Amino acid sequence: MKAMHARGFVRRGAAVMLAAAVIVGAGTLLGLALPQYSVSQKGRQFHPGEMTIKRGDSVEIVNDDGDLLHHAYIDSPQFSFDSGDQKPGSKTDIAFSVAGDFNVLCAIHPKMKLVVHVR
């Protein structure tokens, strides 16, 4: 009888450990899918205007202007990105897979500039 009780205890313990591993793993995957940084487009400016991140990090660009379109892009020999037109309230993620210094510009508002230093 004690052996049956012990086996049941071990099975329950293994099940709890497996469930915990699944939850931690799912949280890690969700964390990888979410952008680590957020930048606002408002008043024909990026806020903040400069940031330093690690290679592999993502930046979420949010159009916080109520009535203006934006169009974020990067044109660099090392890395390029084009969001297309961004309607008010829209969000676009940029995953920086290479190190370097990159200018994120707006194709609609030429004075808008975000500098991203990727280490």
N, C-alpha and C. Protein backbone atom coordinates (compact mmCIF):
# COMPACT_ATOMS: atom_id res chain seq x y z
N MET A 1 0.82 -1.20 0.00
CA MET A 1 0.00 0.00 0.00
C MET A 1 0.86 1.27 0.00
N LYS A 2 1.95 1.25 0.77
CA LYS A 2 2.84 2.41 0.81
C LYS A 2 3.47 2.65 -0.55
N ALA A 3 3.78 1.57 -1.29
CA ALA A 3 4.40 1.72 -2.61
C ALA A 3 3.44 2.38 -3.57
N MET A 4 2.14 2.01 -3.51
CA MET A 4 1.15 2.65 -4.39
C MET A 4 1.02 4.13 -4.07
N HIS A 5 0.99 4.43 -2.78
CA HIS A 5 0.88 5.83 -2.37
C HIS A 5 2.10 6.63 -2.85
N ALA A 6 3.28 6.04 -2.73
CA ALA A 6 4.51 6.72 -3.15
C ALA A 6 4.51 6.94 -4.66
N ARG A 7 4.07 5.93 -5.44
CA ARG A 7 4.03 6.10 -6.90
C ARG A 7 3.06 7.21 -7.29
N GLY A 8 1.92 7.27 -6.62
CA GLY A 8 0.94 8.32 -6.90
C GLY A 8 1.50 9.70 -6.58
N PHE A 9 2.24 9.78 -5.49
CA PHE A 9 2.87 11.03 -5.10
C PHE A 9 3.90 11.46 -6.15
N VAL A 10 4.71 10.51 -6.62
CA VAL A 10 5.73 10.80 -7.63
C VAL A 10 5.06 11.24 -8.92
N ARG A 11 3.99 10.57 -9.34
CA ARG A 11 3.28 10.95 -10.57
C ARG A 11 2.70 12.35 -10.47
N ARG A 12 2.08 12.65 -9.33
CA ARG A 12 1.52 13.99 -9.14
C ARG A 12 2.62 15.04 -9.17
N GLY A 13 3.74 14.75 -8.53
CA GLY A 13 4.87 15.68 -8.52
C GLY A 13 5.41 15.91 -9.92
N ALA A 14 5.51 14.82 -10.69
CA ALA A 14 5.99 14.94 -12.07
C ALA A 14 5.01 15.75 -12.91
N ALA A 15 3.72 15.53 -12.69
CA ALA A 15 2.71 16.28 -13.44
C ALA A 15 2.77 17.77 -13.11
N VAL A 16 2.96 18.08 -11.85
CA VAL A 16 3.05 19.48 -11.43
C VAL A 16 4.29 20.13 -12.05
N MET A 17 5.42 19.41 -12.03
CA MET A 17 6.65 19.95 -12.62
C MET A 17 6.49 20.15 -14.12
N LEU A 18 5.84 19.21 -14.80
CA LEU A 18 5.61 19.34 -16.24
C LEU A 18 4.72 20.55 -16.53
N ALA A 19 3.65 20.71 -15.76
CA ALA A 19 2.75 21.85 -15.96
C ALA A 19 3.49 23.17 -15.74
N ALA A 20 4.35 23.22 -14.72
CA ALA A 20 5.12 24.43 -14.46
C ALA A 20 6.07 24.73 -15.61
N ALA A 21 6.71 23.69 -16.15
CA ALA A 21 7.62 23.89 -17.29
C ALA A 21 6.88 24.40 -18.51
N VAL A 22 5.68 23.89 -18.74
CA VAL A 22 4.87 24.35 -19.88
C VAL A 22 4.49 25.81 -19.71
N ILE A 23 4.09 26.19 -18.51
CA ILE A 23 3.69 27.58 -18.25
C ILE A 23 4.88 28.52 -18.41
N VAL A 24 6.03 28.14 -17.86
CA VAL A 24 7.23 28.98 -18.00
C VAL A 24 7.63 29.07 -19.46
N GLY A 25 7.60 27.95 -20.19
CA GLY A 25 7.95 27.95 -21.61
C GLY A 25 7.02 28.83 -22.42
N ALA A 26 5.72 28.75 -22.14
CA ALA A 26 4.75 29.58 -22.86
C ALA A 26 4.99 31.06 -22.56
N GLY A 27 5.30 31.38 -21.31
CA GLY A 27 5.59 32.77 -20.97
C GLY A 27 6.82 33.28 -21.67
N THR A 28 7.82 32.42 -21.80
CA THR A 28 9.04 32.82 -22.51
C THR A 28 8.74 33.07 -23.97
N LEU A 29 7.96 32.20 -24.59
CA LEU A 29 7.62 32.39 -26.00
C LEU A 29 6.81 33.67 -26.20
N LEU A 30 5.88 33.92 -25.29
CA LEU A 30 5.10 35.16 -25.40
C LEU A 30 5.99 36.37 -25.23
N GLY A 31 6.95 36.29 -24.32
CA GLY A 31 7.87 37.39 -24.12
C GLY A 31 8.70 37.67 -25.36
N LEU A 32 9.06 36.63 -26.09
CA LEU A 32 9.83 36.83 -27.31
C LEU A 32 9.00 37.48 -28.40
N ALA A 33 7.71 37.25 -28.38
CA ALA A 33 6.85 37.77 -29.43
C ALA A 33 6.47 39.24 -29.21
N LEU A 34 6.62 39.71 -28.00
CA LEU A 34 6.22 41.08 -27.70
C LEU A 34 7.38 42.04 -27.90
N PRO A 35 7.10 43.23 -28.42
CA PRO A 35 8.18 44.20 -28.57
C PRO A 35 8.68 44.65 -27.21
N GLN A 36 9.99 44.89 -27.12
CA GLN A 36 10.57 45.32 -25.86
C GLN A 36 10.51 46.84 -25.68
N TYR A 37 10.37 47.58 -26.78
CA TYR A 37 10.40 49.04 -26.74
C TYR A 37 9.22 49.59 -27.54
N SER A 38 8.74 50.75 -27.14
CA SER A 38 7.64 51.40 -27.85
C SER A 38 8.01 52.84 -28.16
N VAL A 39 7.71 53.24 -29.39
CA VAL A 39 7.99 54.61 -29.85
C VAL A 39 6.69 55.19 -30.38
N SER A 40 6.37 56.40 -29.95
CA SER A 40 5.16 57.08 -30.39
C SER A 40 5.46 58.02 -31.56
N GLN A 41 4.55 58.04 -32.53
CA GLN A 41 4.58 59.03 -33.61
C GLN A 41 3.47 60.02 -33.30
N LYS A 42 3.86 61.22 -32.92
CA LYS A 42 2.86 62.22 -32.57
C LYS A 42 3.43 63.60 -32.80
N GLY A 43 2.61 64.48 -33.34
CA GLY A 43 3.04 65.85 -33.59
C GLY A 43 4.18 65.92 -34.60
N ARG A 44 4.16 65.02 -35.55
CA ARG A 44 5.19 64.94 -36.60
C ARG A 44 6.59 64.71 -36.01
N GLN A 45 6.64 63.92 -34.90
CA GLN A 45 7.90 63.56 -34.27
C GLN A 45 7.81 62.13 -33.74
N PHE A 46 8.98 61.51 -33.63
CA PHE A 46 9.09 60.24 -32.92
C PHE A 46 9.41 60.55 -31.46
N HIS A 47 8.78 59.86 -30.54
CA HIS A 47 9.02 60.04 -29.11
C HIS A 47 9.32 58.69 -28.50
N PRO A 48 10.50 58.39 -28.00
CA PRO A 48 11.68 59.24 -27.99
C PRO A 48 12.29 59.33 -29.38
N GLY A 49 13.24 60.22 -29.55
CA GLY A 49 13.88 60.41 -30.85
C GLY A 49 15.15 59.59 -31.03
N GLU A 50 15.59 58.95 -29.94
CA GLU A 50 16.81 58.14 -30.01
C GLU A 50 16.75 57.07 -28.93
N MET A 51 17.28 55.89 -29.25
CA MET A 51 17.32 54.81 -28.27
C MET A 51 18.44 53.84 -28.60
N THR A 52 18.86 53.09 -27.58
CA THR A 52 19.86 52.04 -27.75
C THR A 52 19.23 50.73 -27.30
N ILE A 53 19.35 49.71 -28.17
CA ILE A 53 18.76 48.41 -27.90
C ILE A 53 19.80 47.33 -28.21
N LYS A 54 19.45 46.08 -27.89
CA LYS A 54 20.32 44.96 -28.22
C LYS A 54 19.87 44.32 -29.53
N ARG A 55 20.84 43.73 -30.24
CA ARG A 55 20.51 43.01 -31.48
C ARG A 55 19.47 41.93 -31.13
N GLY A 56 18.44 41.83 -31.95
CA GLY A 56 17.36 40.88 -31.71
C GLY A 56 16.15 41.50 -31.02
N ASP A 57 16.30 42.69 -30.44
CA ASP A 57 15.17 43.38 -29.80
C ASP A 57 14.22 43.93 -30.86
N SER A 58 13.00 44.16 -30.45
CA SER A 58 11.98 44.75 -31.32
C SER A 58 11.54 46.10 -30.80
N VAL A 59 11.17 46.96 -31.74
CA VAL A 59 10.64 48.28 -31.40
C VAL A 59 9.26 48.38 -32.02
N GLU A 60 8.28 48.73 -31.20
CA GLU A 60 6.91 48.94 -31.67
C GLU A 60 6.74 50.42 -31.98
N ILE A 61 6.37 50.72 -33.23
CA ILE A 61 6.11 52.09 -33.65
C ILE A 61 4.59 52.28 -33.63
N VAL A 62 4.13 53.25 -32.84
CA VAL A 62 2.70 53.48 -32.65
C VAL A 62 2.32 54.84 -33.22
N ASN A 63 1.35 54.87 -34.13
CA ASN A 63 0.85 56.14 -34.66
C ASN A 63 -0.17 56.69 -33.66
N ASP A 64 0.29 57.61 -32.83
CA ASP A 64 -0.58 58.22 -31.82
C ASP A 64 -1.22 59.52 -32.30
N ASP A 65 -1.03 59.88 -33.57
CA ASP A 65 -1.69 61.05 -34.12
C ASP A 65 -3.12 60.68 -34.49
N GLY A 66 -4.07 61.51 -34.08
CA GLY A 66 -5.48 61.22 -34.32
C GLY A 66 -5.91 61.34 -35.76
N ASP A 67 -5.18 62.13 -36.56
CA ASP A 67 -5.66 62.37 -37.92
C ASP A 67 -4.56 62.35 -38.98
N LEU A 68 -3.33 61.92 -38.62
CA LEU A 68 -2.23 61.92 -39.58
C LEU A 68 -1.77 60.51 -39.92
N LEU A 69 -1.53 60.28 -41.19
CA LEU A 69 -0.86 59.06 -41.63
C LEU A 69 0.63 59.22 -41.38
N HIS A 70 1.30 58.10 -41.10
CA HIS A 70 2.76 58.07 -41.04
C HIS A 70 3.22 56.90 -41.90
N HIS A 71 4.51 56.83 -42.15
CA HIS A 71 5.07 55.76 -42.99
C HIS A 71 6.53 55.59 -42.59
N ALA A 72 6.79 54.70 -41.62
CA ALA A 72 8.15 54.49 -41.11
C ALA A 72 8.94 53.60 -42.05
N TYR A 73 10.21 53.99 -42.25
CA TYR A 73 11.07 53.15 -43.07
C TYR A 73 12.53 53.31 -42.65
N ILE A 74 13.33 52.28 -42.97
CA ILE A 74 14.79 52.30 -42.79
C ILE A 74 15.38 51.90 -44.11
N ASP A 75 16.33 52.69 -44.60
CA ASP A 75 17.02 52.37 -45.85
C ASP A 75 18.51 52.40 -45.57
N SER A 76 19.07 51.24 -45.25
CA SER A 76 20.48 51.13 -44.90
C SER A 76 21.07 49.92 -45.63
N PRO A 77 22.34 49.94 -45.97
CA PRO A 77 22.95 48.76 -46.60
C PRO A 77 22.89 47.51 -45.72
N GLN A 78 22.90 47.70 -44.40
CA GLN A 78 22.86 46.57 -43.48
C GLN A 78 21.45 46.08 -43.17
N PHE A 79 20.46 46.95 -43.26
CA PHE A 79 19.12 46.60 -42.79
C PHE A 79 18.10 47.54 -43.43
N SER A 80 17.01 47.00 -43.89
CA SER A 80 15.95 47.85 -44.44
C SER A 80 14.60 47.40 -43.89
N PHE A 81 13.69 48.36 -43.85
CA PHE A 81 12.34 48.11 -43.33
C PHE A 81 11.41 49.14 -43.95
N ASP A 82 10.16 48.74 -44.22
CA ASP A 82 9.15 49.66 -44.73
C ASP A 82 7.80 49.25 -44.15
N SER A 83 7.21 50.15 -43.37
CA SER A 83 5.93 49.85 -42.72
C SER A 83 4.74 49.98 -43.64
N GLY A 84 4.91 50.71 -44.75
CA GLY A 84 3.74 51.09 -45.53
C GLY A 84 3.02 52.19 -44.77
N ASP A 85 1.90 52.65 -45.31
CA ASP A 85 1.15 53.72 -44.63
C ASP A 85 0.59 53.20 -43.31
N GLN A 86 0.76 54.00 -42.28
CA GLN A 86 0.28 53.68 -40.95
C GLN A 86 -0.88 54.60 -40.59
N LYS A 87 -2.05 54.04 -40.48
CA LYS A 87 -3.22 54.83 -40.11
C LYS A 87 -3.16 55.21 -38.63
N PRO A 88 -3.87 56.27 -38.24
CA PRO A 88 -3.91 56.63 -36.82
C PRO A 88 -4.33 55.44 -35.96
N GLY A 89 -3.59 55.24 -34.86
CA GLY A 89 -3.88 54.14 -33.94
C GLY A 89 -3.18 52.84 -34.30
N SER A 90 -2.56 52.75 -35.47
CA SER A 90 -1.93 51.49 -35.87
C SER A 90 -0.58 51.32 -35.19
N LYS A 91 -0.14 50.05 -35.12
CA LYS A 91 1.15 49.70 -34.51
C LYS A 91 1.93 48.84 -35.50
N THR A 92 3.23 49.07 -35.56
CA THR A 92 4.12 48.32 -36.43
C THR A 92 5.36 47.92 -35.64
N ASP A 93 5.75 46.66 -35.72
CA ASP A 93 6.94 46.19 -35.02
C ASP A 93 8.12 46.10 -35.98
N ILE A 94 9.28 46.54 -35.50
CA ILE A 94 10.52 46.40 -36.25
C ILE A 94 11.45 45.54 -35.40
N ALA A 95 11.83 44.37 -35.93
CA ALA A 95 12.78 43.49 -35.24
C ALA A 95 14.17 43.77 -35.81
N PHE A 96 15.06 44.25 -34.97
CA PHE A 96 16.41 44.61 -35.41
C PHE A 96 17.33 43.39 -35.27
N SER A 97 17.60 42.75 -36.39
CA SER A 97 18.37 41.50 -36.39
C SER A 97 19.87 41.71 -36.57
N VAL A 98 20.29 42.93 -36.87
CA VAL A 98 21.71 43.22 -37.06
C VAL A 98 22.10 44.43 -36.22
N ALA A 99 23.37 44.46 -35.83
CA ALA A 99 23.89 45.59 -35.06
C ALA A 99 24.22 46.75 -35.99
N GLY A 100 24.16 47.95 -35.45
CA GLY A 100 24.48 49.15 -36.23
C GLY A 100 23.68 50.33 -35.73
N ASP A 101 23.84 51.45 -36.39
CA ASP A 101 23.08 52.67 -36.09
C ASP A 101 22.14 52.91 -37.26
N PHE A 102 20.85 53.01 -36.97
CA PHE A 102 19.84 53.10 -38.02
C PHE A 102 18.94 54.31 -37.82
N ASN A 103 18.64 54.99 -38.92
CA ASN A 103 17.70 56.11 -38.92
C ASN A 103 16.35 55.58 -39.38
N VAL A 104 15.36 55.73 -38.51
CA VAL A 104 13.98 55.42 -38.89
C VAL A 104 13.36 56.75 -39.29
N LEU A 105 12.87 56.82 -40.52
CA LEU A 105 12.32 58.06 -41.05
C LEU A 105 10.86 57.87 -41.41
N CYS A 106 10.16 58.98 -41.63
CA CYS A 106 8.77 58.96 -42.08
C CYS A 106 8.74 59.46 -43.52
N ALA A 107 8.20 58.64 -44.41
CA ALA A 107 8.13 59.00 -45.82
C ALA A 107 7.15 60.14 -46.08
N ILE A 108 6.28 60.42 -45.15
CA ILE A 108 5.27 61.47 -45.32
C ILE A 108 5.75 62.78 -44.70
N HIS A 109 6.45 62.69 -43.58
CA HIS A 109 6.93 63.88 -42.85
C HIS A 109 8.45 63.82 -42.77
N PRO A 110 9.14 64.43 -43.72
CA PRO A 110 10.60 64.27 -43.85
C PRO A 110 11.43 64.75 -42.66
N LYS A 111 10.88 65.57 -41.78
CA LYS A 111 11.65 66.04 -40.62
C LYS A 111 11.61 65.04 -39.46
N MET A 112 10.76 64.02 -39.56
CA MET A 112 10.67 63.02 -38.50
C MET A 112 11.87 62.08 -38.58
N LYS A 113 12.52 61.84 -37.42
CA LYS A 113 13.68 60.96 -37.42
C LYS A 113 13.82 60.31 -36.05
N LEU A 114 14.00 58.99 -36.08
CA LEU A 114 14.30 58.20 -34.87
C LEU A 114 15.64 57.53 -35.13
N VAL A 115 16.59 57.68 -34.20
CA VAL A 115 17.88 57.01 -34.33
C VAL A 115 17.88 55.82 -33.38
N VAL A 116 18.13 54.63 -33.94
CA VAL A 116 18.19 53.41 -33.15
C VAL A 116 19.60 52.86 -33.21
N HIS A 117 20.24 52.78 -32.04
CA HIS A 117 21.58 52.19 -31.92
C HIS A 117 21.38 50.75 -31.49
N VAL A 118 21.80 49.81 -32.34
CA VAL A 118 21.63 48.39 -32.04
C VAL A 118 23.00 47.82 -31.70
N ARG A 119 23.17 47.31 -30.50
CA ARG A 119 24.46 46.77 -30.03
C ARG A 119 24.47 45.26 -30.04
